[in-house]
C-alpha atoms as a PDB file:
ATOM      1  CA  UNK A   1       0.000   0.000   0.000  1.00  0.00           C
ATOM      2  CA  UNK A   2       1.383   3.409  -0.916  1.00  0.00           C
ATOM      3  CA  UNK A   3       1.825   5.823   1.949  1.00  0.00           C
ATOM      4  CA  UNK A   4      -0.661   8.644   1.885  1.00  0.00           C
ATOM      5  CA  UNK A   5      -2.565  10.921   4.165  1.00  0.00           C
ATOM      6  CA  UNK A   6      -5.545   9.203   5.770  1.00  0.00           C
ATOM      7  CA  UNK A   7      -4.618   5.723   4.571  1.00  0.00           C
ATOM      8  CA  UNK A   8      -4.511   2.908   7.100  1.00  0.00           C
ATOM      9  CA  UNK A   9      -1.210   1.197   7.784  1.00  0.00           C
ATOM     10  CA  UNK A  10      -0.888  -2.467   8.604  1.00  0.00           C
ATOM     11  CA  UNK A  11       1.973  -2.898  11.059  1.00  0.00           C
ATOM     12  CA  UNK A  12       3.244  -6.002  12.786  1.00  0.00           C
ATOM     13  CA  UNK A  13       2.990  -6.436  16.540  1.00  0.00           C
ATOM     14  CA  UNK A  14       4.435  -9.346  18.449  1.00  0.00           C
ATOM     15  CA  UNK A  15       1.809 -11.675  19.845  1.00  0.00           C
ATOM     16  CA  UNK A  16       2.423 -14.341  22.467  1.00  0.00           C
ATOM     17  CA  UNK A  17       0.859 -17.670  21.613  1.00  0.00           C
ATOM     18  CA  UNK A  18       0.451 -20.668  23.878  1.00  0.00           C
ATOM     19  CA  UNK A  19      -0.318 -23.360  21.356  1.00  0.00           C
ATOM     20  CA  UNK A  20       1.314 -26.738  21.892  1.00  0.00           C
ATOM     21  CA  UNK A  21       3.332 -26.702  18.666  1.00  0.00           C
ATOM     22  CA  UNK A  22       5.292 -23.548  19.624  1.00  0.00           C
ATOM     23  CA  UNK A  23       8.004 -22.882  22.146  1.00  0.00           C
ATOM     24  CA  UNK A  24       6.685 -21.168  25.330  1.00  0.00           C
ATOM     25  CA  UNK A  25       8.388 -17.828  24.614  1.00  0.00           C
ATOM     26  CA  UNK A  26       8.000 -17.835  20.861  1.00  0.00           C
ATOM     27  CA  UNK A  27       6.541 -14.638  19.440  1.00  0.00           C
ATOM     28  CA  UNK A  28       4.217 -14.536  16.446  1.00  0.00           C
ATOM     29  CA  UNK A  29       3.957 -11.410  14.301  1.00  0.00           C
ATOM     30  CA  UNK A  30       0.384 -10.342  13.614  1.00  0.00           C
ATOM     31  CA  UNK A  31      -0.745  -7.453  11.447  1.00  0.00           C
ATOM     32  CA  UNK A  32      -2.575  -4.655  13.252  1.00  0.00           C
ATOM     33  CA  UNK A  33      -4.368  -1.967  11.287  1.00  0.00           C
ATOM     34  CA  UNK A  34      -3.509   1.567  12.399  1.00  0.00           C
ATOM     35  CA  UNK A  35      -4.886   4.807  11.011  1.00  0.00           C
ATOM     36  CA  UNK A  36      -2.030   7.383  11.049  1.00  0.00           C
ATOM     37  CA  UNK A  37      -4.539  10.197  11.572  1.00  0.00           C
ATOM     38  CA  UNK A  38      -6.437   8.531  14.426  1.00  0.00           C
ATOM     39  CA  UNK A  39      -6.673  10.429  17.705  1.00  0.00           C
ATOM     40  CA  UNK A  40      -7.771   7.414  19.753  1.00  0.00           C
ATOM     41  CA  UNK A  41      -6.299   3.941  19.279  1.00  0.00           C
ATOM     42  CA  UNK A  42      -8.002   0.960  20.944  1.00  0.00           C
ATOM     43  CA  UNK A  43      -6.035  -2.311  20.938  1.00  0.00           C
ATOM     44  CA  UNK A  44      -7.920  -3.880  23.813  1.00  0.00           C
ATOM     45  CA  UNK A  45      -7.774  -7.692  24.043  1.00  0.00           C
ATOM     46  CA  UNK A  46      -5.553  -8.121  20.993  1.00  0.00           C
ATOM     47  CA  UNK A  47      -3.064 -10.610  22.515  1.00  0.00           C
ATOM     48  CA  UNK A  48      -0.274  -8.114  21.912  1.00  0.00           C
ATOM     49  CA  UNK A  49       2.986  -9.160  23.562  1.00  0.00           C
ATOM     50  CA  UNK A  50       5.110  -6.118  22.740  1.00  0.00           C
ATOM     51  CA  UNK A  51       4.633  -2.392  22.096  1.00  0.00           C
ATOM     52  CA  UNK A  52       6.181  -1.539  18.736  1.00  0.00           C
ATOM     53  CA  UNK A  53       5.732   0.186  15.361  1.00  0.00           C
ATOM     54  CA  UNK A  54       3.825   3.209  16.661  1.00  0.00           C
ATOM     55  CA  UNK A  55       5.831   5.570  14.454  1.00  0.00           C
ATOM     56  CA  UNK A  56       2.977   5.839  11.920  1.00  0.00           C
ATOM     57  CA  UNK A  57       0.715   7.535  14.483  1.00  0.00           C
ATOM     58  CA  UNK A  58       1.082  11.260  13.889  1.00  0.00           C
ATOM     59  CA  UNK A  59      -1.966  12.593  15.767  1.00  0.00           C
ATOM     60  CA  UNK A  60      -2.656  10.048  18.489  1.00  0.00           C
ATOM     61  CA  UNK A  61      -3.717  11.366  21.882  1.00  0.00           C
ATOM     62  CA  UNK A  62      -4.944   8.163  23.516  1.00  0.00           C
ATOM     63  CA  UNK A  63      -3.725   4.566  23.217  1.00  0.00           C
ATOM     64  CA  UNK A  64      -5.425   1.653  24.942  1.00  0.00           C
ATOM     65  CA  UNK A  65      -3.479  -1.594  25.346  1.00  0.00           C
ATOM     66  CA  UNK A  66      -5.857  -3.089  27.932  1.00  0.00           C
ATOM     67  CA  UNK A  67      -6.010  -6.832  28.492  1.00  0.00           C
ATOM     68  CA  UNK A  68      -2.957  -7.845  26.510  1.00  0.00           C
ATOM     69  CA  UNK A  69       0.256  -9.764  27.222  1.00  0.00           C
ATOM     70  CA  UNK A  70       2.722  -6.873  27.319  1.00  0.00           C
ATOM     71  CA  UNK A  71       5.704  -7.459  29.593  1.00  0.00           C
ATOM     72  CA  UNK A  72       7.589  -4.157  29.210  1.00  0.00           C
ATOM     73  CA  UNK A  73       6.886  -0.490  28.535  1.00  0.00           C
ATOM     74  CA  UNK A  74       8.940   0.387  25.464  1.00  0.00           C
ATOM     75  CA  UNK A  75       8.923   2.134  22.075  1.00  0.00           C
ATOM     76  CA  UNK A  76       6.521   4.906  23.100  1.00  0.00           C
ATOM     77  CA  UNK A  77       8.814   7.926  22.688  1.00  0.00           C
ATOM     78  CA  UNK A  78       7.796   8.242  19.038  1.00  0.00           C
ATOM     79  CA  UNK A  79       4.301   9.432  20.052  1.00  0.00           C
ATOM     80  CA  UNK A  80       5.469  11.712  22.849  1.00  0.00           C
ATOM     81  CA  UNK A  81       4.467  15.014  21.276  1.00  0.00           C
ATOM     82  CA  UNK A  82       0.780  14.183  20.976  1.00  0.00           C
ATOM     83  CA  UNK A  83       0.042  11.431  23.498  1.00  0.00           C
ATOM     84  CA  UNK A  84      -2.134  12.453  26.444  1.00  0.00           C
ATOM     85  CA  UNK A  85      -3.412   9.088  27.716  1.00  0.00           C
ATOM     86  CA  UNK A  86      -1.737   5.679  27.919  1.00  0.00           C
ATOM     87  CA  UNK A  87      -3.724   2.689  29.171  1.00  0.00           C
ATOM     88  CA  UNK A  88      -1.807  -0.505  29.985  1.00  0.00           C
ATOM     89  CA  UNK A  89      -4.356  -1.989  32.379  1.00  0.00           C
ATOM     90  CA  UNK A  90      -4.145  -5.766  32.848  1.00  0.00           C
ATOM     91  CA  UNK A  91      -0.869  -6.786  31.256  1.00  0.00           C
ATOM     92  CA  UNK A  92       2.279  -8.460  32.598  1.00  0.00           C
ATOM     93  CA  UNK A  93       4.429  -5.377  33.219  1.00  0.00           C
ATOM     94  CA  UNK A  94       6.956  -5.669  36.041  1.00  0.00           C
ATOM     95  CA  UNK A  95       8.593  -2.231  35.939  1.00  0.00           C
ATOM     96  CA  UNK A  96       7.706   1.408  35.230  1.00  0.00           C
ATOM     97  CA  UNK A  97      10.248   2.508  32.630  1.00  0.00           C
ATOM     98  CA  UNK A  98      10.841   4.259  29.292  1.00  0.00           C
ATOM     99  CA  UNK A  99       8.251   6.980  29.912  1.00  0.00           C
ATOM    100  CA  UNK A 100      10.650   9.937  30.172  1.00  0.00           C
ATOM    101  CA  UNK A 101       9.747  11.338  26.755  1.00  0.00           C
ATOM    102  CA  UNK A 102       5.995  11.437  27.432  1.00  0.00           C
ATOM    103  CA  UNK A 103       6.058  14.934  28.883  1.00  0.00           C
ATOM    104  CA  UNK A 104       2.509  15.725  27.719  1.00  0.00           C
ATOM    105  CA  UNK A 105       0.921  12.656  29.297  1.00  0.00           C
ATOM    106  CA  UNK A 106      -2.084  13.428  31.501  1.00  0.00           C
ATOM    107  CA  UNK A 107      -3.498   9.963  32.252  1.00  0.00           C
ATOM    108  CA  UNK A 108      -1.512   6.786  32.925  1.00  0.00           C
ATOM    109  CA  UNK A 109      -3.138   3.481  33.857  1.00  0.00           C
ATOM    110  CA  UNK A 110      -0.840   0.647  34.945  1.00  0.00           C
ATOM    111  CA  UNK A 111      -3.381  -1.193  37.067  1.00  0.00           C
ATOM    112  CA  UNK A 112      -3.462  -4.992  37.263  1.00  0.00           C
ATOM    113  CA  UNK A 113       0.178  -5.606  36.428  1.00  0.00           C
ATOM    114  CA  UNK A 114       3.164  -6.949  38.402  1.00  0.00           C
ATOM    115  CA  UNK A 115       4.839  -3.693  39.420  1.00  0.00           C
ATOM    116  CA  UNK A 116       6.684  -3.622  42.745  1.00  0.00           C
ATOM    117  CA  UNK A 117       8.009  -0.055  42.814  1.00  0.00           C
ATOM    118  CA  UNK A 118       6.834   3.407  41.784  1.00  0.00           C
ATOM    119  CA  UNK A 119       9.710   4.878  39.782  1.00  0.00           C
ATOM    120  CA  UNK A 120      10.789   6.712  36.630  1.00  0.00           C
ATOM    121  CA  UNK A 121       7.879   9.163  36.560  1.00  0.00           C
ATOM    122  CA  UNK A 122       9.836  12.379  37.200  1.00  0.00           C
ATOM    123  CA  UNK A 123       9.320  13.847  33.723  1.00  0.00           C
ATOM    124  CA  UNK A 124       5.538  13.386  33.702  1.00  0.00           C
ATOM    125  CA  UNK A 125       4.849  16.745  35.293  1.00  0.00           C
ATOM    126  CA  UNK A 126       1.557  17.207  33.413  1.00  0.00           C
ATOM    127  CA  UNK A 127       0.122  13.941  34.726  1.00  0.00           C
ATOM    128  CA  UNK A 128      -3.334  14.429  36.257  1.00  0.00           C
ATOM    129  CA  UNK A 129      -4.484  10.851  36.847  1.00  0.00           C
ATOM    130  CA  UNK A 130      -2.327   7.877  37.860  1.00  0.00           C
ATOM    131  CA  UNK A 131      -3.799   4.404  38.307  1.00  0.00           C
ATOM    132  CA  UNK A 132      -1.683   1.689  39.933  1.00  0.00           C
ATOM    133  CA  UNK A 133      -4.398  -0.574  41.337  1.00  0.00           C
ATOM    134  CA  UNK A 134      -3.714  -4.266  41.998  1.00  0.00           C
ATOM    135  CA  UNK A 135       0.055  -4.413  41.716  1.00  0.00           C
ATOM    136  CA  UNK A 136       2.689  -5.419  44.278  1.00  0.00           C
ATOM    137  CA  UNK A 137       3.728  -1.935  45.372  1.00  0.00           C
ATOM    138  CA  UNK A 138       4.990  -1.680  48.948  1.00  0.00           C
ATOM    139  CA  UNK A 139       5.707   2.039  49.287  1.00  0.00           C
ATOM    140  CA  UNK A 140       4.446   5.397  48.056  1.00  0.00           C
ATOM    141  CA  UNK A 141       7.568   7.021  46.648  1.00  0.00           C
ATOM    142  CA  UNK A 142       9.114   8.889  43.707  1.00  0.00           C
ATOM    143  CA  UNK A 143       6.032  10.958  42.884  1.00  0.00           C
ATOM    144  CA  UNK A 144       7.000  14.307  44.402  1.00  0.00           C
ATOM    145  CA  UNK A 145       7.486  15.821  40.927  1.00  0.00           C
ATOM    146  CA  UNK A 146       3.904  15.059  39.890  1.00  0.00           C
ATOM    147  CA  UNK A 147       2.577  18.395  41.100  1.00  0.00           C
ATOM    148  CA  UNK A 148      -0.295  18.417  38.590  1.00  0.00           C
ATOM    149  CA  UNK A 149      -1.691  15.128  39.889  1.00  0.00           C
ATOM    150  CA  UNK A 150      -5.378  15.293  40.801  1.00  0.00           C
ATOM    151  CA  UNK A 151      -6.251  11.607  41.187  1.00  0.00           C
ATOM    152  CA  UNK A 152      -4.106   8.785  42.571  1.00  0.00           C
ATOM    153  CA  UNK A 153      -5.380   5.210  42.741  1.00  0.00           C
ATOM    154  CA  UNK A 154      -3.247   2.747  44.705  1.00  0.00           C
ATOM    155  CA  UNK A 155      -5.843   0.234  45.871  1.00  0.00           C
ATOM    156  CA  UNK A 156      -5.028  -3.454  46.373  1.00  0.00           C
ATOM    157  CA  UNK A 157      -1.257  -3.211  46.803  1.00  0.00           C
ATOM    158  CA  UNK A 158       1.031  -3.867  49.781  1.00  0.00           C
ATOM    159  CA  UNK A 159       1.240  -0.332  51.135  1.00  0.00           C
ATOM    160  CA  UNK A 160       1.363   0.097  54.916  1.00  0.00           C
ATOM    161  CA  UNK A 161       2.133   3.820  55.212  1.00  0.00           C
ATOM    162  CA  UNK A 162       0.492   6.767  53.479  1.00  0.00           C
ATOM    163  CA  UNK A 163       3.450   9.090  52.943  1.00  0.00           C
ATOM    164  CA  UNK A 164       5.382  11.275  50.503  1.00  0.00           C
ATOM    165  CA  UNK A 165       2.293  13.058  49.198  1.00  0.00           C
ATOM    166  CA  UNK A 166       2.989  16.519  50.585  1.00  0.00           C
ATOM    167  CA  UNK A 167       4.058  18.075  47.272  1.00  0.00           C
ATOM    168  CA  UNK A 168       0.910  16.960  45.434  1.00  0.00           C
ATOM    169  CA  UNK A 169      -0.862  20.233  46.073  1.00  0.00           C
ATOM    170  CA  UNK A 170      -3.577  19.617  43.450  1.00  0.00           C
ATOM    171  CA  UNK A 171      -4.457  16.118  44.634  1.00  0.00           C
ATOM    172  CA  UNK A 172      -8.227  15.878  44.881  1.00  0.00           C
ATOM    173  CA  UNK A 173      -8.870  12.132  45.119  1.00  0.00           C
ATOM    174  CA  UNK A 174      -6.847   9.370  46.794  1.00  0.00           C
ATOM    175  CA  UNK A 175      -7.939   5.748  46.603  1.00  0.00           C
ATOM    176  CA  UNK A 176      -5.897   3.393  48.753  1.00  0.00           C
ATOM    177  CA  UNK A 177      -8.293   0.676  49.918  1.00  0.00           C
ATOM    178  CA  UNK A 178      -7.219  -2.955  50.424  1.00  0.00           C
ATOM    179  CA  UNK A 179      -3.727  -2.056  51.624  1.00  0.00           C
ATOM    180  CA  UNK A 180      -3.984  -2.524  55.428  1.00  0.00           C
ATOM    181  CA  UNK A 181      -2.517   0.912  56.133  1.00  0.00           C
ATOM    182  CA  UNK A 182      -1.073   1.297  59.646  1.00  0.00           C
ATOM    183  CA  UNK A 183       0.271   4.857  59.523  1.00  0.00           C
ATOM    184  CA  UNK A 184      -0.658   8.121  57.831  1.00  0.00           C
ATOM    185  CA  UNK A 185       1.672  11.058  57.273  1.00  0.00           C
ATOM    186  CA  UNK A 186       1.107  14.376  55.546  1.00  0.00           C
ATOM    187  CA  UNK A 187      -2.539  14.281  54.498  1.00  0.00           C
ATOM    188  CA  UNK A 188      -3.295  17.420  56.509  1.00  0.00           C
ATOM    189  CA  UNK A 189      -1.211  19.479  54.067  1.00  0.00           C
ATOM    190  CA  UNK A 190      -3.323  18.434  51.075  1.00  0.00           C
ATOM    191  CA  UNK A 191      -5.825  21.278  51.125  1.00  0.00           C
ATOM    192  CA  UNK A 192      -7.544  20.184  47.901  1.00  0.00           C
ATOM    193  CA  UNK A 193      -8.093  16.570  48.967  1.00  0.00           C
ATOM    194  CA  UNK A 194     -11.847  15.990  49.006  1.00  0.00           C
ATOM    195  CA  UNK A 195     -12.091  12.240  48.329  1.00  0.00           C
ATOM    196  CA  UNK A 196     -10.250   9.601  50.352  1.00  0.00           C
ATOM    197  CA  UNK A 197     -11.083   5.919  50.055  1.00  0.00           C
ATOM    198  CA  UNK A 198      -9.345   3.536  52.449  1.00  0.00           C
ATOM    199  CA  UNK A 199      -9.913   0.842  55.034  1.00  0.00           C
ATOM    200  CA  UNK A 200     -10.690   1.769  58.612  1.00  0.00           C
ATOM    201  CA  UNK A 201     -10.840  -0.469  61.640  1.00  0.00           C
ATOM    202  CA  UNK A 202      -8.861  -0.912  64.819  1.00  0.00           C
ATOM    203  CA  UNK A 203      -6.208   1.697  63.943  1.00  0.00           C
ATOM    204  CA  UNK A 204      -8.263   4.412  62.244  1.00  0.00           C
ATOM    205  CA  UNK A 205     -11.865   5.488  62.553  1.00  0.00           C
ATOM    206  CA  UNK A 206     -14.001   7.697  60.339  1.00  0.00           C
ATOM    207  CA  UNK A 207     -13.609  10.481  62.891  1.00  0.00           C
ATOM    208  CA  UNK A 208      -9.913  10.718  62.000  1.00  0.00           C
ATOM    209  CA  UNK A 209     -10.892  12.071  58.580  1.00  0.00           C
ATOM    210  CA  UNK A 210     -13.656  14.515  59.436  1.00  0.00           C
ATOM    211  CA  UNK A 211     -11.880  17.264  57.484  1.00  0.00           C
ATOM    212  CA  UNK A 212     -12.221  15.379  54.187  1.00  0.00           C
ATOM    213  CA  UNK A 213     -15.556  16.159  52.587  1.00  0.00           C
ATOM    214  CA  UNK A 214     -16.060  12.803  50.857  1.00  0.00           C
ATOM    215  CA  UNK A 215     -14.436  10.102  52.952  1.00  0.00           C
ATOM    216  CA  UNK A 216     -15.230   6.551  51.852  1.00  0.00           C
ATOM    217  CA  UNK A 217     -14.350   3.708  54.183  1.00  0.00           C
ATOM    218  CA  UNK A 218     -14.083  -0.004  53.510  1.00  0.00           C
ATOM    219  CA  UNK A 219     -14.424  -2.850  55.960  1.00  0.00           C
ATOM    220  CA  UNK A 220     -11.128  -4.088  57.373  1.00  0.00           C
END
């Protein structure tokens, strides 16, 4: 197909297969149709095993890779100028990496992966929403530069202390249920925080959060 404005491009993306006649880690190249002028790209449930060949996307603002088999964040710098939202919900990602170029990103969803540490987000200073639900994160850290952040979702991890949030002056909503939190530090400095969702029980009671207009509690 000749390259031309508005024409769809068929690009290969690695796909993990589990059929008996292939080696366990063998990758199969499948053709994915991409419109270079598309603003929103939805590749949900496409059995994609690797992010690649996004160079044809000249206008994309949102890419959805939900419910795939992606193991690493890579090859996204080529869409950095236009990309505003990146959705990698429910993949097999173990590390936050290779996002430095995405300086215009406003929404990042890495929920339901295998991430153990919050890291490598320093350049995402325009980020407004960060979703890290259902990972293996043990500590809130390395997010002090995200001063535009309005929503942070950290539910269903291994976090015991709410901390290191003091610089997030625009934070409006914090979801941290299913973490068995034992200590809280710095929430009183978050003047814009109006929604807090967390577990309460023997250590905390609803009365501890009377200053938050929309406090949601979960059973311990």
